[in-house]
C-alpha cells in the first residue's frame, strides 16, 4: 500500500458542517439500534494515499484526520477540524488520541491550544524511553516504558506531573503496553509472549490496571486478546480469538464488571472488531459480511450488531467500511468509500 509513487502528501479533509451541533457538551447519546444517521464527508483519500487516523472527542466534537501519501520517504500531515475550521497541527507524526480539551497526542509530542509541545527530552532520558499511546482529560499520558532498568523489556506506564508510573505486567508475561486510559487513571493494557507452543504466533492477553491492581480481562476461549479502548465506567472493548486454534475467528468483546462478553458478528460474517466505546457502553468497529471478508462499519448496542450501512440513506453512494470512534452524543467517525473512492466520514444521529 505504500508504494513510492507520489511526491506530495495530499490533505484529505473537508469541512465538518456544524459538527459540534448543540449537544457537544458531554451530553447523553440518544442513539439506539434503530437510529438513522446523516453522513458528513471528511474528504477523499486520493489514489495511493491513506487516512491513518480518524478520532472524535466529546466537548467540541472535533474530528482529526491524518493522511499518509505514497512518497519516498512517506509523509504524513495531521489536522484538527472544529466546526468546519481546519488547522494544521504542525507535525508529520500520526495522531494517537484526542481529549475533550482538544489536546492531540503524538508519539513524542502533544498539541495544545498554544501549539505543539515537544516531549522528546522528557520521554527519552538517559537509560529509558517512553512511547506515548493515549491521554485523558487530566493530562495523564499512557504508553510503554523501556530502558536498562527493565532489562530490554517494555512495561505499560503512565506519564504524569513529570514522572513515570510503571504499571507492571500480567504474570507470567514479561512485556506490556498501555493502549487506553480513562479520566480515573484506569488503563487498558496488552501483553504478549512468543511463541505459542507448536507455531510461530504469540499469545496475547489484556488486562485492566486500576489503583495499583492488575486484572486479567479473561478470554473468549482463545489465546489472543487485544484491548483497544476504555471508557470512564471502566468498560473495555477490543478483539479476541474465540477458540484454542491460533487461527480461530476473532470477535469483538466488551469487558465490564469482571466479565468478558462476545459482542457477536453480522449475519453472514465470521469476524468483528470493536475499536471505541462511549460512556453509555456503546461501541463501534467493523464486522465482516461474507465469512472473513467484505468488512462493514458496525455499531454494538443493546445486544445487537448493527450494520451502519443500513442506518444511512439508501443509494447514497456510501459504503461504510470501518468505524473508529464514537463520542457520548452518538457521533461516529471512520473510513469508507463514496462512489467507489475512499473517504473519511462522520455520522450524526438524526
C-alpha atoms as a PDB file:
ATOM      1  CA  UNK A   1       0.000   0.000   0.000  1.00  0.00           C
ATOM      2  CA  UNK A   2       2.911   2.340   0.465  1.00  0.00           C
ATOM      3  CA  UNK A   3       4.496   2.358  -2.957  1.00  0.00           C
ATOM      4  CA  UNK A   4       6.745   5.318  -3.736  1.00  0.00           C
ATOM      5  CA  UNK A   5       4.610   6.885  -6.432  1.00  0.00           C
ATOM      6  CA  UNK A   6       3.639  10.381  -5.390  1.00  0.00           C
ATOM      7  CA  UNK A   7       5.845  13.191  -4.191  1.00  0.00           C
ATOM      8  CA  UNK A   8       3.295  15.281  -2.321  1.00  0.00           C
ATOM      9  CA  UNK A   9       1.221  14.436   0.732  1.00  0.00           C
ATOM     10  CA  UNK A  10      -2.398  15.232  -0.041  1.00  0.00           C
ATOM     11  CA  UNK A  11      -4.656  16.505   2.705  1.00  0.00           C
ATOM     12  CA  UNK A  12      -7.981  14.688   2.528  1.00  0.00           C
ATOM     13  CA  UNK A  13     -10.191  16.574   4.951  1.00  0.00           C
ATOM     14  CA  UNK A  14     -13.300  18.528   4.078  1.00  0.00           C
ATOM     15  CA  UNK A  15     -15.452  20.563   6.446  1.00  0.00           C
ATOM     16  CA  UNK A  16     -17.455  19.174   9.330  1.00  0.00           C
ATOM     17  CA  UNK A  17     -20.560  21.269   8.810  1.00  0.00           C
ATOM     18  CA  UNK A  18     -21.885  22.061  12.280  1.00  0.00           C
ATOM     19  CA  UNK A  19     -20.061  19.099  13.764  1.00  0.00           C
ATOM     20  CA  UNK A  20     -20.377  20.394  17.284  1.00  0.00           C
ATOM     21  CA  UNK A  21     -24.108  20.959  16.990  1.00  0.00           C
ATOM     22  CA  UNK A  22     -25.979  21.885  20.138  1.00  0.00           C
ATOM     23  CA  UNK A  23     -25.180  18.711  22.047  1.00  0.00           C
ATOM     24  CA  UNK A  24     -21.404  18.624  22.053  1.00  0.00           C
ATOM     25  CA  UNK A  25     -21.044  19.410  25.746  1.00  0.00           C
ATOM     26  CA  UNK A  26     -20.774  15.858  27.003  1.00  0.00           C
ATOM     27  CA  UNK A  27     -24.498  15.057  26.739  1.00  0.00           C
ATOM     28  CA  UNK A  28     -26.029  11.589  26.736  1.00  0.00           C
ATOM     29  CA  UNK A  29     -26.188   9.679  23.483  1.00  0.00           C
ATOM     30  CA  UNK A  30     -29.777   9.423  22.195  1.00  0.00           C
ATOM     31  CA  UNK A  31     -28.860   6.607  19.833  1.00  0.00           C
ATOM     32  CA  UNK A  32     -30.070   3.014  19.754  1.00  0.00           C
ATOM     33  CA  UNK A  33     -30.019   0.118  17.300  1.00  0.00           C
ATOM     34  CA  UNK A  34     -32.749   1.766  15.194  1.00  0.00           C
ATOM     35  CA  UNK A  35     -31.131   5.217  14.943  1.00  0.00           C
ATOM     36  CA  UNK A  36     -30.570   6.648  11.467  1.00  0.00           C
ATOM     37  CA  UNK A  37     -27.615   8.904  10.643  1.00  0.00           C
ATOM     38  CA  UNK A  38     -26.661  11.793   8.406  1.00  0.00           C
ATOM     39  CA  UNK A  39     -23.291  11.279   6.701  1.00  0.00           C
ATOM     40  CA  UNK A  40     -20.766  14.112   6.517  1.00  0.00           C
ATOM     41  CA  UNK A  41     -17.874  13.617   4.107  1.00  0.00           C
ATOM     42  CA  UNK A  42     -14.475  14.129   5.758  1.00  0.00           C
ATOM     43  CA  UNK A  43     -12.749  14.209   2.411  1.00  0.00           C
ATOM     44  CA  UNK A  44     -11.322  11.950  -0.221  1.00  0.00           C
ATOM     45  CA  UNK A  45      -8.398   9.651   0.290  1.00  0.00           C
ATOM     46  CA  UNK A  46      -6.641  10.158  -3.028  1.00  0.00           C
ATOM     47  CA  UNK A  47      -5.049   7.421  -5.108  1.00  0.00           C
ATOM     48  CA  UNK A  48      -2.146   5.740  -3.301  1.00  0.00           C
ATOM     49  CA  UNK A  49      -2.707   7.650  -0.081  1.00  0.00           C
ATOM     50  CA  UNK A  50      -4.488   6.562   3.076  1.00  0.00           C
ATOM     51  CA  UNK A  51      -6.079   8.106   6.119  1.00  0.00           C
ATOM     52  CA  UNK A  52      -4.332   6.582   9.116  1.00  0.00           C
ATOM     53  CA  UNK A  53      -6.435   8.000  11.944  1.00  0.00           C
ATOM     54  CA  UNK A  54      -9.874   9.495  12.476  1.00  0.00           C
ATOM     55  CA  UNK A  55     -10.652  10.470  16.089  1.00  0.00           C
ATOM     56  CA  UNK A  56     -13.509  12.309  17.761  1.00  0.00           C
ATOM     57  CA  UNK A  57     -13.933  13.821  21.228  1.00  0.00           C
ATOM     58  CA  UNK A  58     -16.943  14.828  23.336  1.00  0.00           C
ATOM     59  CA  UNK A  59     -16.857  18.504  24.191  1.00  0.00           C
ATOM     60  CA  UNK A  60     -16.285  20.186  20.869  1.00  0.00           C
ATOM     61  CA  UNK A  61     -16.896  17.156  18.666  1.00  0.00           C
ATOM     62  CA  UNK A  62     -13.560  17.503  16.897  1.00  0.00           C
ATOM     63  CA  UNK A  63     -12.675  15.041  14.179  1.00  0.00           C
ATOM     64  CA  UNK A  64      -8.981  14.644  13.441  1.00  0.00           C
ATOM     65  CA  UNK A  65      -7.563  13.095  10.303  1.00  0.00           C
ATOM     66  CA  UNK A  66      -4.003  12.128   9.447  1.00  0.00           C
ATOM     67  CA  UNK A  67      -3.058  11.399   5.845  1.00  0.00           C
ATOM     68  CA  UNK A  68      -0.085   9.410   4.616  1.00  0.00           C
ATOM     69  CA  UNK A  69       0.858   9.796   0.939  1.00  0.00           C
ATOM     70  CA  UNK A  70       2.876   7.306  -1.025  1.00  0.00           C
ATOM     71  CA  UNK A  71       6.155   9.163  -1.124  1.00  0.00           C
ATOM     72  CA  UNK A  72       9.747   8.227  -0.550  1.00  0.00           C
ATOM     73  CA  UNK A  73      10.173   8.788   2.301  1.00  0.00           C
ATOM     74  CA  UNK A  74       6.483   8.573   3.307  1.00  0.00           C
ATOM     75  CA  UNK A  75       4.991  11.792   4.649  1.00  0.00           C
ATOM     76  CA  UNK A  76       2.087  12.474   6.962  1.00  0.00           C
ATOM     77  CA  UNK A  77       0.115  15.559   7.859  1.00  0.00           C
ATOM     78  CA  UNK A  78      -2.094  15.861  10.908  1.00  0.00           C
ATOM     79  CA  UNK A  79      -5.092  18.192  11.087  1.00  0.00           C
ATOM     80  CA  UNK A  80      -7.774  19.108  13.583  1.00  0.00           C
ATOM     81  CA  UNK A  81     -11.191  20.097  12.272  1.00  0.00           C
ATOM     82  CA  UNK A  82     -13.589  22.013  14.511  1.00  0.00           C
ATOM     83  CA  UNK A  83     -16.955  23.216  13.201  1.00  0.00           C
ATOM     84  CA  UNK A  84     -15.584  23.372   9.686  1.00  0.00           C
ATOM     85  CA  UNK A  85     -12.296  25.099  10.551  1.00  0.00           C
ATOM     86  CA  UNK A  86      -9.257  23.048   9.549  1.00  0.00           C
ATOM     87  CA  UNK A  87      -5.975  23.507  11.438  1.00  0.00           C
ATOM     88  CA  UNK A  88      -2.579  22.081  10.514  1.00  0.00           C
ATOM     89  CA  UNK A  89      -1.080  20.672  13.715  1.00  0.00           C
ATOM     90  CA  UNK A  90       2.484  21.172  12.533  1.00  0.00           C
ATOM     91  CA  UNK A  91       3.784  17.621  12.700  1.00  0.00           C
ATOM     92  CA  UNK A  92       4.354  14.720  10.340  1.00  0.00           C
ATOM     93  CA  UNK A  93       3.641  12.144  13.055  1.00  0.00           C
ATOM     94  CA  UNK A  94       0.406  10.202  13.140  1.00  0.00           C
ATOM     95  CA  UNK A  95      -2.013  11.303  15.910  1.00  0.00           C
ATOM     96  CA  UNK A  96      -2.763   8.802  18.650  1.00  0.00           C
ATOM     97  CA  UNK A  97      -5.538  10.350  20.719  1.00  0.00           C
ATOM     98  CA  UNK A  98      -7.582  13.495  21.313  1.00  0.00           C
ATOM     99  CA  UNK A  99      -9.203  14.536  24.601  1.00  0.00           C
ATOM    100  CA  UNK A 100     -12.138  16.773  25.415  1.00  0.00           C
ATOM    101  CA  UNK A 101      -9.844  19.779  25.821  1.00  0.00           C
ATOM    102  CA  UNK A 102      -8.881  19.476  22.159  1.00  0.00           C
ATOM    103  CA  UNK A 103      -5.352  18.326  23.031  1.00  0.00           C
ATOM    104  CA  UNK A 104      -3.934  15.937  20.450  1.00  0.00           C
ATOM    105  CA  UNK A 105      -1.354  13.323  21.375  1.00  0.00           C
ATOM    106  CA  UNK A 106       1.517  12.203  19.148  1.00  0.00           C
ATOM    107  CA  UNK A 107       4.274   9.652  19.918  1.00  0.00           C
ATOM    108  CA  UNK A 108       6.639  12.262  21.414  1.00  0.00           C
ATOM    109  CA  UNK A 109       4.595  15.470  21.407  1.00  0.00           C
ATOM    110  CA  UNK A 110       1.237  16.984  22.267  1.00  0.00           C
ATOM    111  CA  UNK A 111      -0.738  19.717  20.531  1.00  0.00           C
ATOM    112  CA  UNK A 112      -2.365  22.125  22.977  1.00  0.00           C
ATOM    113  CA  UNK A 113      -4.151  25.409  22.457  1.00  0.00           C
ATOM    114  CA  UNK A 114      -0.809  27.200  22.457  1.00  0.00           C
ATOM    115  CA  UNK A 115       0.849  24.958  19.890  1.00  0.00           C
ATOM    116  CA  UNK A 116       2.907  21.799  19.641  1.00  0.00           C
ATOM    117  CA  UNK A 117       4.737  20.777  22.822  1.00  0.00           C
ATOM    118  CA  UNK A 118       7.754  18.526  22.196  1.00  0.00           C
ATOM    119  CA  UNK A 119       8.148  15.830  24.843  1.00  0.00           C
ATOM    120  CA  UNK A 120      11.255  14.238  23.335  1.00  0.00           C
ATOM    121  CA  UNK A 121      13.554  15.370  26.143  1.00  0.00           C
ATOM    122  CA  UNK A 122      11.105  14.110  28.782  1.00  0.00           C
ATOM    123  CA  UNK A 123      10.270  10.832  27.056  1.00  0.00           C
ATOM    124  CA  UNK A 124      13.867   9.976  26.103  1.00  0.00           C
ATOM    125  CA  UNK A 125      16.049  10.381  29.156  1.00  0.00           C
ATOM    126  CA  UNK A 126      19.316   8.536  29.816  1.00  0.00           C
ATOM    127  CA  UNK A 127      18.546   4.887  30.408  1.00  0.00           C
ATOM    128  CA  UNK A 128      14.849   4.948  29.487  1.00  0.00           C
ATOM    129  CA  UNK A 129      12.444   5.671  26.634  1.00  0.00           C
ATOM    130  CA  UNK A 130       8.695   6.262  26.766  1.00  0.00           C
ATOM    131  CA  UNK A 131       6.380   5.757  23.783  1.00  0.00           C
ATOM    132  CA  UNK A 132       3.032   7.518  24.194  1.00  0.00           C
ATOM    133  CA  UNK A 133      -0.232   5.845  23.221  1.00  0.00           C
ATOM    134  CA  UNK A 134      -3.196   7.564  24.917  1.00  0.00           C
ATOM    135  CA  UNK A 135      -4.206  10.507  27.093  1.00  0.00           C
ATOM    136  CA  UNK A 136      -7.104  11.509  29.317  1.00  0.00           C
ATOM    137  CA  UNK A 137      -8.722  14.802  30.284  1.00  0.00           C
ATOM    138  CA  UNK A 138      -6.471  15.197  33.339  1.00  0.00           C
ATOM    139  CA  UNK A 139      -3.175  15.383  31.450  1.00  0.00           C
ATOM    140  CA  UNK A 140      -2.103  11.798  32.130  1.00  0.00           C
ATOM    141  CA  UNK A 141      -0.425  10.050  29.205  1.00  0.00           C
ATOM    142  CA  UNK A 142      -0.286   6.251  28.942  1.00  0.00           C
ATOM    143  CA  UNK A 143       2.144   4.235  26.860  1.00  0.00           C
ATOM    144  CA  UNK A 144       5.104   1.888  27.152  1.00  0.00           C
ATOM    145  CA  UNK A 145       8.313   2.483  29.120  1.00  0.00           C
ATOM    146  CA  UNK A 146      11.536   0.696  28.256  1.00  0.00           C
ATOM    147  CA  UNK A 147      15.114   1.039  29.453  1.00  0.00           C
ATOM    148  CA  UNK A 148      18.106  -0.510  31.115  1.00  0.00           C
ATOM    149  CA  UNK A 149      16.246  -0.979  34.402  1.00  0.00           C
ATOM    150  CA  UNK A 150      13.729  -3.211  32.605  1.00  0.00           C
ATOM    151  CA  UNK A 151      16.462  -5.371  31.027  1.00  0.00           C
ATOM    152  CA  UNK A 152      15.258  -4.994  27.468  1.00  0.00           C
ATOM    153  CA  UNK A 153      11.570  -5.349  28.242  1.00  0.00           C
ATOM    154  CA  UNK A 154       8.783  -2.804  27.901  1.00  0.00           C
ATOM    155  CA  UNK A 155       6.205  -2.070  30.585  1.00  0.00           C
ATOM    156  CA  UNK A 156       2.905  -0.232  30.414  1.00  0.00           C
ATOM    157  CA  UNK A 157       3.321   3.113  32.157  1.00  0.00           C
ATOM    158  CA  UNK A 158       1.670   6.464  32.903  1.00  0.00           C
ATOM    159  CA  UNK A 159       3.446   9.794  32.461  1.00  0.00           C
ATOM    160  CA  UNK A 160       2.060  12.456  34.812  1.00  0.00           C
ATOM    161  CA  UNK A 161       3.453  15.554  36.533  1.00  0.00           C
ATOM    162  CA  UNK A 162       6.894  14.978  35.054  1.00  0.00           C
ATOM    163  CA  UNK A 163       7.284  11.398  36.272  1.00  0.00           C
ATOM    164  CA  UNK A 164       6.525   7.825  35.246  1.00  0.00           C
ATOM    165  CA  UNK A 165       4.485   5.124  36.970  1.00  0.00           C
ATOM    166  CA  UNK A 166       5.379   1.579  35.909  1.00  0.00           C
ATOM    167  CA  UNK A 167       2.138  -0.415  35.679  1.00  0.00           C
ATOM    168  CA  UNK A 168       3.882  -3.772  35.596  1.00  0.00           C
ATOM    169  CA  UNK A 169       2.958  -6.897  33.643  1.00  0.00           C
ATOM    170  CA  UNK A 170       0.434  -9.709  33.773  1.00  0.00           C
ATOM    171  CA  UNK A 171       2.247 -12.801  35.060  1.00  0.00           C
ATOM    172  CA  UNK A 172       3.828 -14.843  33.559  1.00  0.00           C
ATOM    173  CA  UNK A 173       4.329 -12.387  30.707  1.00  0.00           C
ATOM    174  CA  UNK A 174       7.389 -10.162  30.594  1.00  0.00           C
ATOM    175  CA  UNK A 175       6.210  -7.231  28.471  1.00  0.00           C
ATOM    176  CA  UNK A 176       3.173  -4.979  28.427  1.00  0.00           C
ATOM    177  CA  UNK A 177       1.934  -1.759  26.871  1.00  0.00           C
ATOM    178  CA  UNK A 178      -0.862   0.668  27.658  1.00  0.00           C
ATOM    179  CA  UNK A 179      -3.393   1.266  24.886  1.00  0.00           C
ATOM    180  CA  UNK A 180      -6.050   3.476  26.520  1.00  0.00           C
ATOM    181  CA  UNK A 181      -6.609   5.487  29.716  1.00  0.00           C
ATOM    182  CA  UNK A 182      -9.751   6.976  31.260  1.00  0.00           C
ATOM    183  CA  UNK A 183     -10.208  10.023  33.488  1.00  0.00           C
ATOM    184  CA  UNK A 184      -9.930   7.931  36.655  1.00  0.00           C
ATOM    185  CA  UNK A 185      -6.467   6.784  35.592  1.00  0.00           C
ATOM    186  CA  UNK A 186      -7.645   3.244  34.822  1.00  0.00           C
ATOM    187  CA  UNK A 187      -5.613   1.812  31.943  1.00  0.00           C
ATOM    188  CA  UNK A 188      -6.363  -0.880  29.372  1.00  0.00           C
ATOM    189  CA  UNK A 189      -3.154  -2.771  28.606  1.00  0.00           C
ATOM    190  CA  UNK A 190      -1.971  -5.613  26.412  1.00  0.00           C
ATOM    191  CA  UNK A 191       0.830  -8.077  26.993  1.00  0.00           C
ATOM    192  CA  UNK A 192       2.454 -10.732  24.838  1.00  0.00           C
ATOM    193  CA  UNK A 193       4.592 -13.818  24.984  1.00  0.00           C
ATOM    194  CA  UNK A 194       6.083 -15.622  21.995  1.00  0.00           C
ATOM    195  CA  UNK A 195       5.602 -18.173  20.650  1.00  0.00           C
ATOM    196  CA  UNK A 196       2.508 -20.300  21.157  1.00  0.00           C
ATOM    197  CA  UNK A 197       3.796 -23.873  21.547  1.00  0.00           C
ATOM    198  CA  UNK A 198       3.854 -25.572  18.173  1.00  0.00           C
ATOM    199  CA  UNK A 199       3.609 -22.489  15.949  1.00  0.00           C
ATOM    200  CA  UNK A 200       5.144 -19.087  15.336  1.00  0.00           C
ATOM    201  CA  UNK A 201       2.292 -16.953  16.702  1.00  0.00           C
ATOM    202  CA  UNK A 202       2.371 -15.150  20.024  1.00  0.00           C
ATOM    203  CA  UNK A 203      -0.098 -15.456  22.855  1.00  0.00           C
ATOM    204  CA  UNK A 204      -1.634 -12.137  23.782  1.00  0.00           C
ATOM    205  CA  UNK A 205      -3.662 -11.192  26.802  1.00  0.00           C
ATOM    206  CA  UNK A 206      -5.046  -7.900  28.023  1.00  0.00           C
ATOM    207  CA  UNK A 207      -5.508  -6.501  31.489  1.00  0.00           C
ATOM    208  CA  UNK A 208      -7.031  -3.622  33.400  1.00  0.00           C
ATOM    209  CA  UNK A 209      -4.770  -1.545  35.644  1.00  0.00           C
ATOM    210  CA  UNK A 210      -6.753   0.206  38.374  1.00  0.00           C
ATOM    211  CA  UNK A 211      -5.344   1.780  41.547  1.00  0.00           C
ATOM    212  CA  UNK A 212      -2.297  -0.465  41.562  1.00  0.00           C
ATOM    213  CA  UNK A 213      -4.219  -3.662  40.825  1.00  0.00           C
ATOM    214  CA  UNK A 214      -3.831  -5.724  37.640  1.00  0.00           C
ATOM    215  CA  UNK A 215      -6.883  -7.711  36.498  1.00  0.00           C
ATOM    216  CA  UNK A 216      -6.782 -10.212  33.625  1.00  0.00           C
ATOM    217  CA  UNK A 217      -9.666  -9.494  31.250  1.00  0.00           C
ATOM    218  CA  UNK A 218     -10.127 -13.183  30.511  1.00  0.00           C
ATOM    219  CA  UNK A 219     -10.774 -14.539  27.028  1.00  0.00           C
ATOM    220  CA  UNK A 220     -13.370 -15.811  24.584  1.00  0.00           C
ATOM    221  CA  UNK A 221     -11.750 -19.233  24.584  1.00  0.00           C
ATOM    222  CA  UNK A 222      -8.680 -18.390  22.527  1.00  0.00           C
ATOM    223  CA  UNK A 223      -5.061 -17.376  23.036  1.00  0.00           C
ATOM    224  CA  UNK A 224      -5.214 -13.795  21.767  1.00  0.00           C
ATOM    225  CA  UNK A 225      -6.992 -10.891  23.454  1.00  0.00           C
ATOM    226  CA  UNK A 226      -6.329  -7.314  22.314  1.00  0.00           C
ATOM    227  CA  UNK A 227      -7.864  -4.381  24.171  1.00  0.00           C
ATOM    228  CA  UNK A 228      -8.406  -1.159  22.195  1.00  0.00           C
ATOM    229  CA  UNK A 229     -10.404   1.320  24.293  1.00  0.00           C
ATOM    230  CA  UNK A 230     -11.718   2.064  27.800  1.00  0.00           C
ATOM    231  CA  UNK A 231     -14.493   4.409  28.918  1.00  0.00           C
ATOM    232  CA  UNK A 232     -14.936   6.314  32.177  1.00  0.00           C
ATOM    233  CA  UNK A 233     -17.002   3.461  33.615  1.00  0.00           C
ATOM    234  CA  UNK A 234     -14.009   1.152  33.258  1.00  0.00           C
ATOM    235  CA  UNK A 235     -15.570  -0.825  30.410  1.00  0.00           C
ATOM    236  CA  UNK A 236     -13.095  -2.107  27.817  1.00  0.00           C
ATOM    237  CA  UNK A 237     -13.599  -3.183  24.214  1.00  0.00           C
ATOM    238  CA  UNK A 238     -11.323  -4.993  21.812  1.00  0.00           C
ATOM    239  CA  UNK A 239     -10.994  -8.230  19.868  1.00  0.00           C
ATOM    240  CA  UNK A 240     -10.276 -11.824  20.850  1.00  0.00           C
ATOM    241  CA  UNK A 241      -9.994 -15.225  19.215  1.00  0.00           C
ATOM    242  CA  UNK A 242     -12.939 -17.478  20.018  1.00  0.00           C
ATOM    243  CA  UNK A 243     -11.227 -20.868  20.082  1.00  0.00           C
ATOM    244  CA  UNK A 244      -7.971 -22.574  21.063  1.00  0.00           C
ATOM    245  CA  UNK A 245      -6.769 -22.781  17.471  1.00  0.00           C
ATOM    246  CA  UNK A 246      -4.492 -19.710  16.953  1.00  0.00           C
ATOM    247  CA  UNK A 247      -6.176 -19.187  13.580  1.00  0.00           C
ATOM    248  CA  UNK A 248      -9.656 -19.120  15.080  1.00  0.00           C
ATOM    249  CA  UNK A 249     -12.070 -16.363  14.126  1.00  0.00           C
ATOM    250  CA  UNK A 250     -11.825 -13.115  16.048  1.00  0.00           C
ATOM    251  CA  UNK A 251     -14.834 -11.455  17.681  1.00  0.00           C
ATOM    252  CA  UNK A 252     -15.309  -8.055  19.264  1.00  0.00           C
ATOM    253  CA  UNK A 253     -15.638  -8.155  23.041  1.00  0.00           C
ATOM    254  CA  UNK A 254     -16.911  -5.996  25.878  1.00  0.00           C
ATOM    255  CA  UNK A 255     -15.330  -6.306  29.322  1.00  0.00           C
ATOM    256  CA  UNK A 256     -17.407  -4.956  32.181  1.00  0.00           C
ATOM    257  CA  UNK A 257     -17.576  -5.714  35.917  1.00  0.00           C
ATOM    258  CA  UNK A 258     -15.153  -8.614  35.659  1.00  0.00           C
ATOM    259  CA  UNK A 259     -16.908 -10.318  32.754  1.00  0.00           C
ATOM    260  CA  UNK A 260     -15.906 -10.554  29.078  1.00  0.00           C
ATOM    261  CA  UNK A 261     -18.811 -10.755  26.627  1.00  0.00           C
ATOM    262  CA  UNK A 262     -18.703 -11.747  22.961  1.00  0.00           C
ATOM    263  CA  UNK A 263     -20.352  -8.888  21.027  1.00  0.00           C
ATOM    264  CA  UNK A 264     -21.083 -11.120  18.062  1.00  0.00           C
ATOM    265  CA  UNK A 265     -20.877 -10.744  14.289  1.00  0.00           C
ATOM    266  CA  UNK A 266     -23.022  -9.612  11.386  1.00  0.00           C
ATOM    267  CA  UNK A 267     -25.228 -12.132   9.596  1.00  0.00           C
ATOM    268  CA  UNK A 268     -23.029 -13.990   7.098  1.00  0.00           C
ATOM    269  CA  UNK A 269     -19.810 -12.796   8.730  1.00  0.00           C
ATOM    270  CA  UNK A 270     -17.271 -14.576  10.915  1.00  0.00           C
ATOM    271  CA  UNK A 271     -15.194 -11.739  12.385  1.00  0.00           C
ATOM    272  CA  UNK A 272     -15.739  -8.458  14.188  1.00  0.00           C
ATOM    273  CA  UNK A 273     -13.641  -5.797  15.932  1.00  0.00           C
ATOM    274  CA  UNK A 274     -14.548  -3.098  18.473  1.00  0.00           C
ATOM    275  CA  UNK A 275     -12.295  -0.025  18.378  1.00  0.00           C
ATOM    276  CA  UNK A 276     -14.050   2.598  20.503  1.00  0.00           C
ATOM    277  CA  UNK A 277     -16.581   2.829  23.341  1.00  0.00           C
ATOM    278  CA  UNK A 278     -18.505   5.772  24.793  1.00  0.00           C
ATOM    279  CA  UNK A 279     -19.698   6.430  28.337  1.00  0.00           C
ATOM    280  CA  UNK A 280     -23.005   4.667  27.678  1.00  0.00           C
ATOM    281  CA  UNK A 281     -21.190   1.443  26.769  1.00  0.00           C
ATOM    282  CA  UNK A 282     -21.978   1.768  23.068  1.00  0.00           C
ATOM    283  CA  UNK A 283     -19.133   0.572  20.838  1.00  0.00           C
ATOM    284  CA  UNK A 284     -18.162   0.789  17.183  1.00  0.00           C
ATOM    285  CA  UNK A 285     -15.811  -1.086  14.897  1.00  0.00           C
ATOM    286  CA  UNK A 286     -16.125  -3.393  11.922  1.00  0.00           C
ATOM    287  CA  UNK A 287     -17.759  -6.692  11.071  1.00  0.00           C
ATOM    288  CA  UNK A 288     -17.358  -8.847   8.013  1.00  0.00           C
ATOM    289  CA  UNK A 289     -20.412  -9.734   5.947  1.00  0.00           C
ATOM    290  CA  UNK A 290     -19.075 -12.675   3.919  1.00  0.00           C
ATOM    291  CA  UNK A 291     -17.044 -15.061   6.038  1.00  0.00           C
ATOM    292  CA  UNK A 292     -13.861 -13.180   6.877  1.00  0.00           C
ATOM    293  CA  UNK A 293     -14.181 -10.716   4.000  1.00  0.00           C
ATOM    294  CA  UNK A 294     -16.143  -7.619   2.984  1.00  0.00           C
ATOM    295  CA  UNK A 295     -15.926  -5.514   6.191  1.00  0.00           C
ATOM    296  CA  UNK A 296     -18.646  -3.037   7.123  1.00  0.00           C
ATOM    297  CA  UNK A 297     -18.672  -0.372   9.840  1.00  0.00           C
ATOM    298  CA  UNK A 298     -20.750  -1.574  12.779  1.00  0.00           C
ATOM    299  CA  UNK A 299     -22.400  -0.250  15.936  1.00  0.00           C
ATOM    300  CA  UNK A 300     -22.645  -2.505  19.014  1.00  0.00           C
ATOM    301  CA  UNK A 301     -25.606  -1.553  21.204  1.00  0.00           C
ATOM    302  CA  UNK A 302     -28.473  -3.201  23.107  1.00  0.00           C
ATOM    303  CA  UNK A 303     -27.037  -6.649  22.402  1.00  0.00           C
ATOM    304  CA  UNK A 304     -27.178  -6.084  18.644  1.00  0.00           C
ATOM    305  CA  UNK A 305     -24.545  -5.750  15.923  1.00  0.00           C
ATOM    306  CA  UNK A 306     -25.839  -3.000  13.639  1.00  0.00           C
ATOM    307  CA  UNK A 307     -24.515  -2.582  10.115  1.00  0.00           C
ATOM    308  CA  UNK A 308     -24.214   1.205   9.854  1.00  0.00           C
ATOM    309  CA  UNK A 309     -24.770   0.990   6.101  1.00  0.00           C
ATOM    310  CA  UNK A 310     -28.369   0.061   6.920  1.00  0.00           C
ATOM    311  CA  UNK A 311     -28.796   3.225   9.009  1.00  0.00           C
ATOM    312  CA  UNK A 312     -27.931   5.811   6.340  1.00  0.00           C
ATOM    313  CA  UNK A 313     -29.853   6.957   3.263  1.00  0.00           C
ATOM    314  CA  UNK A 314     -30.155   4.176   0.701  1.00  0.00           C
ATOM    315  CA  UNK A 315     -28.357   4.616  -2.628  1.00  0.00           C
ATOM    316  CA  UNK A 316     -26.266   7.469  -1.210  1.00  0.00           C
ATOM    317  CA  UNK A 317     -23.104   6.164  -2.859  1.00  0.00           C
ATOM    318  CA  UNK A 318     -21.543   5.382   0.527  1.00  0.00           C
ATOM    319  CA  UNK A 319     -20.171   2.079   1.766  1.00  0.00           C
ATOM    320  CA  UNK A 320     -19.057   2.491   5.377  1.00  0.00           C
ATOM    321  CA  UNK A 321     -16.149   0.115   5.961  1.00  0.00           C
ATOM    322  CA  UNK A 322     -14.727   0.823   9.437  1.00  0.00           C
ATOM    323  CA  UNK A 323     -15.936   2.885  12.388  1.00  0.00           C
ATOM    324  CA  UNK A 324     -13.011   4.102  14.505  1.00  0.00           C
ATOM    325  CA  UNK A 325     -14.591   6.393  17.091  1.00  0.00           C
ATOM    326  CA  UNK A 326     -17.852   7.197  18.897  1.00  0.00           C
ATOM    327  CA  UNK A 327     -18.492  10.033  21.339  1.00  0.00           C
ATOM    328  CA  UNK A 328     -21.009  10.483  24.130  1.00  0.00           C
ATOM    329  CA  UNK A 329     -23.566  12.242  21.928  1.00  0.00           C
ATOM    330  CA  UNK A 330     -23.568   9.339  19.484  1.00  0.00           C
ATOM    331  CA  UNK A 331     -21.487  10.805  16.652  1.00  0.00           C
ATOM    332  CA  UNK A 332     -19.376   8.202  14.841  1.00  0.00           C
ATOM    333  CA  UNK A 333     -16.285   8.617  12.648  1.00  0.00           C
ATOM    334  CA  UNK A 334     -14.472   6.194  10.377  1.00  0.00           C
ATOM    335  CA  UNK A 335     -13.498   5.271   6.824  1.00  0.00           C
ATOM    336  CA  UNK A 336     -15.387   4.052   3.790  1.00  0.00           C
ATOM    337  CA  UNK A 337     -15.935   4.587   0.087  1.00  0.00           C
ATOM    338  CA  UNK A 338     -18.145   7.122  -1.622  1.00  0.00           C
ATOM    339  CA  UNK A 339     -18.971   6.363  -5.254  1.00  0.00           C
ATOM    340  CA  UNK A 340     -16.080   3.913  -5.268  1.00  0.00           C
ATOM    341  CA  UNK A 341     -13.465   6.309  -3.862  1.00  0.00           C
ATOM    342  CA  UNK A 342     -12.026   6.183  -0.357  1.00  0.00           C
ATOM    343  CA  UNK A 343     -13.269   8.831   2.088  1.00  0.00           C
ATOM    344  CA  UNK A 344     -13.433   9.522   5.787  1.00  0.00           C
ATOM    345  CA  UNK A 345     -16.907  10.010   7.293  1.00  0.00           C
ATOM    346  CA  UNK A 346     -18.744  11.494  10.250  1.00  0.00           C
ATOM    347  CA  UNK A 347     -22.161  10.088  11.212  1.00  0.00           C
ATOM    348  CA  UNK A 348     -24.527  12.346  13.164  1.00  0.00           C
ATOM    349  CA  UNK A 349     -27.731  10.876  14.667  1.00  0.00           C
ATOM    350  CA  UNK A 350     -30.932  12.156  13.115  1.00  0.00           C
END
